Amino acid sequence: MDTMALKLVLVLVFCAGISVILGDPVPVFKDCGSKVAKINSINITPCETEPCPLVKGHNVSVVLEFTTNKQITKASAVVHAILSGVRVPYPLQNPDGCKDSGLKCPIAGGGTYNYTSSLLVSKTYPSIKLVVEWELKDQDGDVIWCFQVPAQVGG
């Protein structure tokens, strides 16, 4: 094997190892009706496997990068747990998408922004598989972005 081929093999092995160690930001998410923005990336911590593990008594953090196509003057976050097709509202401590979320309203159309939030997984929740649906709505009630991710409450 020549030196160049050996270097290529070593680089590929190194990259594969880093990929296994770091994992993907979110293994699988589904866009569930984003209208005002395009989701560029989502990072949920912890969420290195599918379904995302939601550990009772611990926080789950979300960082979502999006590019909007219109001006947003007001934003409201809404979270649901979907259990056997039934959407159950999850009350956020801070549903105001323009406050303590990394966003400062008004948001200009055409820009790229990062939304950050966290939620506590209550110790009283049952251990169950579900789908988490998280959306941000604008001043007109239009869905800025929406994503769903499979999750497992436990531990």
N, C-alpha and C. Protein backbone atom coordinates (compact mmCIF):
# COMPACT_ATOMS: atom_id res chain seq x y z
N MET A 1 0.86 -1.17 0.00
CA MET A 1 0.00 0.00 0.00
C MET A 1 0.90 1.23 0.00
N ASP A 2 0.63 2.17 -0.92
CA ASP A 2 1.48 3.36 -0.96
C ASP A 2 1.10 4.33 0.16
N THR A 3 1.93 5.33 0.38
CA THR A 3 1.77 6.27 1.49
C THR A 3 0.45 7.04 1.40
N MET A 4 0.08 7.46 0.21
CA MET A 4 -1.17 8.22 0.05
C MET A 4 -2.38 7.37 0.41
N ALA A 5 -2.42 6.13 -0.03
CA ALA A 5 -3.54 5.24 0.28
C ALA A 5 -3.60 4.96 1.78
N LEU A 6 -2.44 4.79 2.42
CA LEU A 6 -2.40 4.56 3.86
C LEU A 6 -2.94 5.78 4.61
N LYS A 7 -2.55 6.98 4.18
CA LYS A 7 -3.05 8.20 4.82
C LYS A 7 -4.57 8.30 4.67
N LEU A 8 -5.08 7.97 3.49
CA LEU A 8 -6.52 8.02 3.25
C LEU A 8 -7.26 7.04 4.17
N VAL A 9 -6.75 5.84 4.31
CA VAL A 9 -7.36 4.85 5.20
C VAL A 9 -7.35 5.35 6.64
N LEU A 10 -6.24 5.92 7.09
CA LEU A 10 -6.15 6.43 8.46
C LEU A 10 -7.13 7.57 8.70
N VAL A 11 -7.27 8.47 7.72
CA VAL A 11 -8.22 9.57 7.85
C VAL A 11 -9.65 9.03 7.93
N LEU A 12 -9.99 8.06 7.10
CA LEU A 12 -11.34 7.48 7.13
C LEU A 12 -11.62 6.79 8.46
N VAL A 13 -10.66 6.05 8.98
CA VAL A 13 -10.82 5.38 10.27
C VAL A 13 -10.98 6.42 11.38
N PHE A 14 -10.18 7.48 11.35
CA PHE A 14 -10.27 8.54 12.35
C PHE A 14 -11.65 9.20 12.30
N CYS A 15 -12.12 9.55 11.10
CA CYS A 15 -13.43 10.20 10.96
C CYS A 15 -14.56 9.29 11.43
N ALA A 16 -14.48 8.02 11.12
CA ALA A 16 -15.49 7.07 11.59
C ALA A 16 -15.50 7.00 13.10
N GLY A 17 -14.32 6.99 13.71
CA GLY A 17 -14.22 6.95 15.17
C GLY A 17 -14.80 8.19 15.81
N ILE A 18 -14.51 9.37 15.26
CA ILE A 18 -15.05 10.62 15.79
C ILE A 18 -16.57 10.62 15.65
N SER A 19 -17.09 10.14 14.53
CA SER A 19 -18.53 10.09 14.32
C SER A 19 -19.21 9.22 15.36
N VAL A 20 -18.62 8.09 15.70
CA VAL A 20 -19.19 7.20 16.72
C VAL A 20 -19.14 7.86 18.08
N ILE A 21 -18.05 8.55 18.41
CA ILE A 21 -17.89 9.18 19.72
C ILE A 21 -18.86 10.35 19.88
N LEU A 22 -18.95 11.23 18.87
CA LEU A 22 -19.75 12.44 18.99
C LEU A 22 -21.23 12.21 18.70
N GLY A 23 -21.54 11.32 17.80
CA GLY A 23 -22.92 11.10 17.41
C GLY A 23 -23.47 12.27 16.62
N ASP A 24 -24.69 12.14 16.17
CA ASP A 24 -25.36 13.21 15.44
C ASP A 24 -26.07 14.12 16.43
N PRO A 25 -26.26 15.40 16.06
CA PRO A 25 -26.98 16.30 16.97
C PRO A 25 -28.35 15.75 17.36
N VAL A 26 -29.15 15.33 16.42
CA VAL A 26 -30.41 14.64 16.68
C VAL A 26 -30.49 13.51 15.67
N PRO A 27 -30.54 12.25 16.13
CA PRO A 27 -30.54 11.13 15.20
C PRO A 27 -31.65 11.23 14.15
N VAL A 28 -32.88 11.49 14.57
CA VAL A 28 -33.99 11.56 13.64
C VAL A 28 -34.96 12.63 14.12
N PHE A 29 -35.31 13.56 13.23
CA PHE A 29 -36.40 14.47 13.55
C PHE A 29 -37.23 14.65 12.29
N LYS A 30 -38.49 14.98 12.50
CA LYS A 30 -39.41 15.17 11.38
C LYS A 30 -39.90 16.61 11.42
N ASP A 31 -39.82 17.30 10.29
CA ASP A 31 -40.42 18.62 10.19
C ASP A 31 -41.93 18.41 10.12
N CYS A 32 -42.66 19.06 11.02
CA CYS A 32 -44.10 18.82 11.10
C CYS A 32 -44.92 20.05 10.72
N GLY A 33 -44.45 20.79 9.75
CA GLY A 33 -45.26 21.89 9.25
C GLY A 33 -44.64 23.26 9.37
N SER A 34 -43.32 23.36 9.30
CA SER A 34 -42.66 24.67 9.31
C SER A 34 -43.15 25.47 8.11
N LYS A 35 -43.63 26.70 8.36
CA LYS A 35 -44.16 27.53 7.26
C LYS A 35 -43.38 28.81 7.07
N VAL A 36 -42.95 29.42 8.17
CA VAL A 36 -42.32 30.73 8.12
C VAL A 36 -40.80 30.61 8.07
N ALA A 37 -40.26 29.44 8.40
CA ALA A 37 -38.81 29.27 8.46
C ALA A 37 -38.42 27.87 8.00
N LYS A 38 -37.14 27.74 7.69
CA LYS A 38 -36.55 26.44 7.37
C LYS A 38 -35.65 26.06 8.54
N ILE A 39 -35.84 24.84 9.06
CA ILE A 39 -34.97 24.34 10.12
C ILE A 39 -33.64 23.94 9.50
N ASN A 40 -32.54 24.53 9.99
CA ASN A 40 -31.21 24.19 9.49
C ASN A 40 -30.58 23.06 10.30
N SER A 41 -30.74 23.12 11.63
CA SER A 41 -30.19 22.07 12.49
C SER A 41 -30.89 22.10 13.84
N ILE A 42 -30.89 20.95 14.50
CA ILE A 42 -31.44 20.82 15.85
C ILE A 42 -30.44 20.03 16.68
N ASN A 43 -30.15 20.53 17.88
CA ASN A 43 -29.29 19.81 18.81
C ASN A 43 -30.06 19.67 20.11
N ILE A 44 -30.38 18.43 20.47
CA ILE A 44 -31.08 18.15 21.72
C ILE A 44 -30.11 17.42 22.63
N THR A 45 -29.98 17.91 23.87
CA THR A 45 -29.06 17.30 24.82
C THR A 45 -29.84 16.85 26.04
N PRO A 46 -29.79 15.58 26.41
CA PRO A 46 -29.11 14.49 25.73
C PRO A 46 -29.99 13.88 24.64
N CYS A 47 -29.40 13.54 23.53
CA CYS A 47 -30.12 12.81 22.48
C CYS A 47 -29.10 12.28 21.49
N GLU A 48 -28.46 11.19 21.87
CA GLU A 48 -27.45 10.59 21.00
C GLU A 48 -27.95 9.31 20.36
N THR A 49 -29.12 8.85 20.80
CA THR A 49 -29.69 7.62 20.26
C THR A 49 -31.15 7.85 19.94
N GLU A 50 -31.72 6.92 19.21
CA GLU A 50 -33.14 6.97 18.92
C GLU A 50 -33.82 5.82 19.64
N PRO A 51 -34.87 6.07 20.39
CA PRO A 51 -35.46 7.37 20.69
C PRO A 51 -34.60 8.17 21.66
N CYS A 52 -34.80 9.50 21.69
CA CYS A 52 -34.04 10.35 22.61
C CYS A 52 -34.40 9.98 24.05
N PRO A 53 -33.39 9.74 24.89
CA PRO A 53 -33.69 9.40 26.28
C PRO A 53 -34.04 10.66 27.08
N LEU A 54 -35.20 10.64 27.72
CA LEU A 54 -35.63 11.73 28.60
C LEU A 54 -35.57 11.19 30.02
N VAL A 55 -34.56 11.60 30.76
CA VAL A 55 -34.31 11.06 32.10
C VAL A 55 -35.09 11.86 33.13
N LYS A 56 -35.91 11.16 33.90
CA LYS A 56 -36.73 11.80 34.92
C LYS A 56 -35.85 12.59 35.89
N GLY A 57 -36.30 13.80 36.23
CA GLY A 57 -35.57 14.65 37.16
C GLY A 57 -34.45 15.44 36.52
N HIS A 58 -34.28 15.33 35.20
CA HIS A 58 -33.22 16.05 34.50
C HIS A 58 -33.80 16.96 33.42
N ASN A 59 -33.03 17.95 33.03
CA ASN A 59 -33.42 18.87 31.97
C ASN A 59 -33.03 18.33 30.61
N VAL A 60 -33.81 18.71 29.62
CA VAL A 60 -33.50 18.46 28.22
C VAL A 60 -33.32 19.83 27.57
N SER A 61 -32.21 20.03 26.87
CA SER A 61 -31.92 21.31 26.23
C SER A 61 -32.08 21.19 24.73
N VAL A 62 -32.61 22.25 24.13
CA VAL A 62 -32.82 22.30 22.68
C VAL A 62 -32.14 23.55 22.14
N VAL A 63 -31.37 23.37 21.07
CA VAL A 63 -30.82 24.49 20.30
C VAL A 63 -31.22 24.24 18.86
N LEU A 64 -31.98 25.16 18.29
CA LEU A 64 -32.49 24.99 16.93
C LEU A 64 -32.07 26.19 16.09
N GLU A 65 -31.38 25.92 15.00
CA GLU A 65 -31.01 26.99 14.07
C GLU A 65 -32.01 27.00 12.92
N PHE A 66 -32.51 28.19 12.59
CA PHE A 66 -33.49 28.30 11.52
C PHE A 66 -33.25 29.58 10.72
N THR A 67 -33.76 29.56 9.49
CA THR A 67 -33.73 30.73 8.62
C THR A 67 -35.17 31.10 8.32
N THR A 68 -35.54 32.33 8.65
CA THR A 68 -36.93 32.77 8.49
C THR A 68 -37.12 33.50 7.16
N ASN A 69 -38.36 33.44 6.65
CA ASN A 69 -38.64 34.11 5.38
C ASN A 69 -39.57 35.30 5.53
N LYS A 70 -39.89 35.69 6.80
CA LYS A 70 -40.68 36.90 7.01
C LYS A 70 -40.34 37.50 8.36
N GLN A 71 -40.71 38.76 8.56
CA GLN A 71 -40.44 39.41 9.85
C GLN A 71 -41.35 38.82 10.92
N ILE A 72 -40.76 38.62 12.10
CA ILE A 72 -41.50 38.07 13.24
C ILE A 72 -41.43 39.10 14.36
N THR A 73 -42.59 39.54 14.83
CA THR A 73 -42.63 40.52 15.92
C THR A 73 -42.95 39.88 17.27
N LYS A 74 -43.53 38.68 17.22
CA LYS A 74 -43.89 37.96 18.44
C LYS A 74 -43.77 36.47 18.15
N ALA A 75 -43.29 35.70 19.14
CA ALA A 75 -43.15 34.26 18.96
C ALA A 75 -43.57 33.54 20.24
N SER A 76 -44.29 32.44 20.07
CA SER A 76 -44.74 31.63 21.20
C SER A 76 -44.38 30.18 20.96
N ALA A 77 -43.75 29.55 21.97
CA ALA A 77 -43.37 28.14 21.87
C ALA A 77 -44.49 27.27 22.43
N VAL A 78 -44.75 26.17 21.74
CA VAL A 78 -45.76 25.21 22.16
C VAL A 78 -45.14 23.82 22.06
N VAL A 79 -45.26 23.03 23.14
CA VAL A 79 -44.73 21.67 23.15
C VAL A 79 -45.86 20.70 23.46
N HIS A 80 -45.88 19.59 22.72
CA HIS A 80 -46.85 18.52 22.96
C HIS A 80 -46.11 17.19 23.08
N ALA A 81 -46.64 16.31 23.91
CA ALA A 81 -46.24 14.91 23.93
C ALA A 81 -47.31 14.18 23.12
N ILE A 82 -46.89 13.38 22.17
CA ILE A 82 -47.85 12.62 21.37
C ILE A 82 -47.77 11.17 21.82
N LEU A 83 -48.89 10.70 22.40
CA LEU A 83 -48.98 9.35 22.94
C LEU A 83 -50.08 8.60 22.20
N SER A 84 -49.72 7.57 21.46
CA SER A 84 -50.70 6.79 20.69
C SER A 84 -51.57 7.70 19.82
N GLY A 85 -50.97 8.70 19.22
CA GLY A 85 -51.67 9.61 18.33
C GLY A 85 -52.40 10.76 19.01
N VAL A 86 -52.40 10.79 20.35
CA VAL A 86 -53.08 11.85 21.09
C VAL A 86 -52.06 12.90 21.50
N ARG A 87 -52.33 14.18 21.15
CA ARG A 87 -51.44 15.29 21.49
C ARG A 87 -51.79 15.81 22.88
N VAL A 88 -50.83 15.74 23.80
CA VAL A 88 -51.02 16.21 25.17
C VAL A 88 -50.13 17.43 25.37
N PRO A 89 -50.71 18.60 25.74
CA PRO A 89 -49.89 19.81 25.91
C PRO A 89 -48.88 19.65 27.04
N TYR A 90 -47.68 20.19 26.82
CA TYR A 90 -46.65 20.23 27.85
C TYR A 90 -46.42 21.70 28.19
N PRO A 91 -46.72 22.10 29.43
CA PRO A 91 -46.57 23.52 29.79
C PRO A 91 -45.09 23.91 29.94
N LEU A 92 -44.68 24.90 29.17
CA LEU A 92 -43.32 25.42 29.28
C LEU A 92 -43.27 26.51 30.34
N GLN A 93 -42.15 26.60 31.06
CA GLN A 93 -41.98 27.68 32.02
C GLN A 93 -41.96 29.03 31.32
N ASN A 94 -41.36 29.06 30.12
CA ASN A 94 -41.25 30.29 29.37
C ASN A 94 -41.69 30.06 27.92
N PRO A 95 -42.98 30.22 27.63
CA PRO A 95 -43.43 30.02 26.25
C PRO A 95 -43.14 31.21 25.33
N ASP A 96 -42.69 32.35 25.88
CA ASP A 96 -42.40 33.53 25.08
C ASP A 96 -41.12 33.29 24.28
N GLY A 97 -41.27 33.09 22.98
CA GLY A 97 -40.13 32.80 22.12
C GLY A 97 -39.18 33.96 21.93
N CYS A 98 -39.56 35.15 22.40
CA CYS A 98 -38.70 36.33 22.26
C CYS A 98 -37.98 36.67 23.56
N LYS A 99 -38.14 35.86 24.59
CA LYS A 99 -37.56 36.14 25.90
C LYS A 99 -36.75 34.94 26.38
N ASP A 100 -35.51 35.18 26.75
CA ASP A 100 -34.63 34.14 27.29
C ASP A 100 -34.54 32.90 26.40
N SER A 101 -34.58 33.13 25.09
CA SER A 101 -34.52 32.02 24.14
C SER A 101 -33.42 32.19 23.10
N GLY A 102 -32.64 33.26 23.25
CA GLY A 102 -31.63 33.58 22.25
C GLY A 102 -32.18 34.43 21.12
N LEU A 103 -33.50 34.63 21.09
CA LEU A 103 -34.14 35.45 20.06
C LEU A 103 -34.51 36.80 20.63
N LYS A 104 -34.35 37.83 19.84
CA LYS A 104 -34.75 39.19 20.21
C LYS A 104 -35.71 39.68 19.12
N CYS A 105 -36.96 39.85 19.48
CA CYS A 105 -37.95 40.31 18.51
C CYS A 105 -37.93 41.83 18.42
N PRO A 106 -38.15 42.41 17.23
CA PRO A 106 -38.52 41.73 16.01
C PRO A 106 -37.34 41.01 15.34
N ILE A 107 -37.69 39.96 14.62
CA ILE A 107 -36.71 39.15 13.88
C ILE A 107 -36.90 39.49 12.40
N ALA A 108 -35.82 39.84 11.74
CA ALA A 108 -35.90 40.22 10.32
C ALA A 108 -36.06 39.00 9.43
N GLY A 109 -36.87 39.14 8.39
CA GLY A 109 -37.01 38.08 7.40
C GLY A 109 -35.70 37.87 6.65
N GLY A 110 -35.40 36.63 6.33
CA GLY A 110 -34.19 36.30 5.60
C GLY A 110 -32.98 36.03 6.46
N GLY A 111 -33.10 36.21 7.77
CA GLY A 111 -31.96 35.98 8.67
C GLY A 111 -31.93 34.57 9.22
N THR A 112 -30.77 34.19 9.76
CA THR A 112 -30.59 32.90 10.41
C THR A 112 -30.44 33.14 11.90
N TYR A 113 -31.18 32.37 12.70
CA TYR A 113 -31.25 32.59 14.14
C TYR A 113 -31.16 31.28 14.90
N ASN A 114 -30.81 31.39 16.19
CA ASN A 114 -30.76 30.22 17.08
C ASN A 114 -31.77 30.39 18.20
N TYR A 115 -32.66 29.41 18.34
CA TYR A 115 -33.62 29.35 19.44
C TYR A 115 -33.08 28.35 20.45
N THR A 116 -33.07 28.73 21.73
CA THR A 116 -32.62 27.81 22.78
C THR A 116 -33.68 27.74 23.88
N SER A 117 -33.83 26.55 24.43
CA SER A 117 -34.77 26.36 25.52
C SER A 117 -34.43 25.06 26.23
N SER A 118 -35.05 24.86 27.38
CA SER A 118 -34.90 23.59 28.09
C SER A 118 -36.20 23.28 28.81
N LEU A 119 -36.38 22.02 29.10
CA LEU A 119 -37.55 21.61 29.87
C LEU A 119 -37.13 20.53 30.85
N LEU A 120 -37.83 20.50 31.98
CA LEU A 120 -37.56 19.51 33.02
C LEU A 120 -38.45 18.31 32.79
N VAL A 121 -37.84 17.12 32.83
CA VAL A 121 -38.60 15.88 32.75
C VAL A 121 -38.97 15.51 34.19
N SER A 122 -40.23 15.64 34.51
CA SER A 122 -40.69 15.43 35.89
C SER A 122 -40.47 13.99 36.34
N LYS A 123 -40.12 13.84 37.61
CA LYS A 123 -39.95 12.51 38.20
C LYS A 123 -41.27 11.75 38.26
N THR A 124 -42.38 12.47 38.15
CA THR A 124 -43.70 11.83 38.24
C THR A 124 -44.18 11.27 36.90
N TYR A 125 -43.48 11.56 35.81
CA TYR A 125 -43.90 11.06 34.50
C TYR A 125 -43.74 9.54 34.45
N PRO A 126 -44.66 8.87 33.76
CA PRO A 126 -44.49 7.42 33.59
C PRO A 126 -43.37 7.12 32.61
N SER A 127 -42.76 5.97 32.74
CA SER A 127 -41.76 5.52 31.77
C SER A 127 -42.52 5.06 30.53
N ILE A 128 -42.32 5.77 29.43
CA ILE A 128 -43.13 5.52 28.24
C ILE A 128 -42.42 6.04 27.00
N LYS A 129 -42.72 5.42 25.85
CA LYS A 129 -42.26 5.94 24.56
C LYS A 129 -43.30 6.94 24.06
N LEU A 130 -42.82 8.01 23.45
CA LEU A 130 -43.70 9.05 22.94
C LEU A 130 -42.99 9.81 21.83
N VAL A 131 -43.69 10.75 21.25
CA VAL A 131 -43.10 11.67 20.28
C VAL A 131 -43.23 13.07 20.87
N VAL A 132 -42.13 13.81 20.89
CA VAL A 132 -42.15 15.20 21.35
C VAL A 132 -42.34 16.08 20.12
N GLU A 133 -43.34 16.96 20.18
CA GLU A 133 -43.57 17.93 19.11
C GLU A 133 -43.34 19.32 19.68
N TRP A 134 -42.45 20.07 19.04
CA TRP A 134 -42.09 21.41 19.52
C TRP A 134 -42.28 22.37 18.36
N GLU A 135 -43.05 23.43 18.60
CA GLU A 135 -43.26 24.40 17.53
C GLU A 135 -43.16 25.82 18.06
N LEU A 136 -42.82 26.71 17.17
CA LEU A 136 -42.76 28.13 17.46
C LEU A 136 -43.74 28.81 16.51
N LYS A 137 -44.67 29.60 17.09
CA LYS A 137 -45.68 30.29 16.28
C LYS A 137 -45.43 31.79 16.32
N ASP A 138 -45.80 32.46 15.23
CA ASP A 138 -45.57 33.91 15.15
C ASP A 138 -46.80 34.71 15.58
N GLN A 139 -46.72 36.02 15.42
CA GLN A 139 -47.77 36.95 15.83
C GLN A 139 -49.10 36.69 15.14
N ASP A 140 -49.08 36.04 13.98
CA ASP A 140 -50.30 35.73 13.23
C ASP A 140 -50.82 34.33 13.52
N GLY A 141 -50.12 33.60 14.38
CA GLY A 141 -50.50 32.21 14.67
C GLY A 141 -49.93 31.23 13.67
N ASP A 142 -49.13 31.72 12.71
CA ASP A 142 -48.50 30.84 11.72
C ASP A 142 -47.36 30.07 12.38
N VAL A 143 -47.16 28.83 11.94
CA VAL A 143 -46.08 28.01 12.48
C VAL A 143 -44.77 28.47 11.86
N ILE A 144 -43.89 29.02 12.69
CA ILE A 144 -42.57 29.42 12.23
C ILE A 144 -41.81 28.16 11.86
N TRP A 145 -41.66 27.28 12.85
CA TRP A 145 -41.06 25.96 12.62
C TRP A 145 -41.72 24.97 13.56
N CYS A 146 -41.63 23.70 13.18
CA CYS A 146 -42.19 22.62 13.98
C CYS A 146 -41.36 21.38 13.73
N PHE A 147 -41.01 20.68 14.81
CA PHE A 147 -40.32 19.40 14.64
C PHE A 147 -40.88 18.38 15.61
N GLN A 148 -40.75 17.12 15.22
CA GLN A 148 -41.12 15.99 16.07
C GLN A 148 -39.91 15.08 16.19
N VAL A 149 -39.73 14.53 17.40
CA VAL A 149 -38.63 13.61 17.63
C VAL A 149 -39.13 12.49 18.54
N PRO A 150 -38.81 11.22 18.21
CA PRO A 150 -39.19 10.12 19.09
C PRO A 150 -38.39 10.17 20.38
N ALA A 151 -39.04 9.84 21.50
CA ALA A 151 -38.38 9.92 22.80
C ALA A 151 -38.84 8.77 23.70
N GLN A 152 -38.07 8.55 24.76
CA GLN A 152 -38.36 7.52 25.75
C GLN A 152 -38.14 8.13 27.13
N VAL A 153 -39.21 8.24 27.92
CA VAL A 153 -39.08 8.71 29.30
C VAL A 153 -38.66 7.52 30.15
N GLY A 154 -37.67 7.74 31.00
CA GLY A 154 -37.21 6.65 31.85
C GLY A 154 -36.29 7.14 32.95
N GLY A 155 -35.83 6.16 33.73
CA GLY A 155 -34.81 6.36 34.75
C GLY A 155 -35.10 7.30 35.81
